[in-house]
Amino acid sequence: LHWHVIPRFEDDAHFPSPIWAAPRREAPARAWPDLADRLRQALQAG
């Protein structure tokens, strides 16, 4: 048994359907170039 944790946003193209469903609308572009670094720092601090 394993789980996939997939963050969801109300403005994503598939919400509230599953991420593998056809998109319901166009989603806004998201650009988080430093997200991986911020997550690493948070995990190391924990």
Protein backbone atom coordinates (compact mmCIF):
# COMPACT_ATOMS: atom_id res chain seq x y z
CA LEU A 1 0.00 0.00 0.00
CA HIS A 2 1.24 3.48 -0.80
CA TRP A 3 -0.28 6.92 -1.14
CA HIS A 4 0.36 9.85 -3.44
CA VAL A 5 -0.01 13.26 -1.84
CA ILE A 6 -1.08 15.71 -4.52
CA PRO A 7 -1.77 19.31 -3.51
CA ARG A 8 -4.98 20.68 -4.96
CA PHE A 9 -6.15 24.23 -5.49
CA GLU A 10 -9.66 25.46 -6.16
CA ASP A 11 -8.45 27.16 -9.33
CA ASP A 12 -6.70 24.11 -10.79
CA ALA A 13 -7.99 22.96 -14.17
CA HIS A 14 -9.39 19.67 -12.86
CA PHE A 15 -10.85 20.66 -9.47
CA PRO A 16 -12.99 19.10 -8.04
CA SER A 17 -12.47 16.09 -10.33
CA PRO A 18 -9.42 13.82 -10.01
CA ILE A 19 -6.18 15.08 -11.51
CA TRP A 20 -6.31 12.34 -14.15
CA ALA A 21 -9.74 13.49 -15.40
CA ALA A 22 -10.18 15.82 -18.34
CA PRO A 23 -9.65 19.47 -17.41
CA ARG A 24 -12.82 21.43 -16.71
CA ARG A 25 -11.31 24.85 -17.43
CA GLU A 26 -8.03 26.60 -18.10
CA ALA A 27 -5.89 27.00 -14.99
CA PRO A 28 -3.71 29.99 -14.17
CA ALA A 29 0.02 29.58 -14.63
CA ARG A 30 1.96 28.94 -11.44
CA ALA A 31 5.62 29.73 -11.15
CA TRP A 32 7.40 28.83 -7.94
CA PRO A 33 11.04 28.64 -8.98
CA ASP A 34 12.23 28.43 -5.37
CA LEU A 35 9.66 25.90 -4.11
CA ALA A 36 12.07 22.95 -3.99
CA ASP A 37 14.60 24.98 -1.98
CA ARG A 38 11.93 26.22 0.42
CA LEU A 39 10.66 22.68 0.97
CA ARG A 40 14.21 21.38 1.60
CA GLN A 41 14.84 24.12 4.15
CA ALA A 42 11.56 23.43 5.94
CA LEU A 43 12.25 19.69 6.08
CA GLN A 44 15.77 20.20 7.41
CA ALA A 45 14.52 22.61 10.09
CA GLY A 46 11.86 20.15 11.26
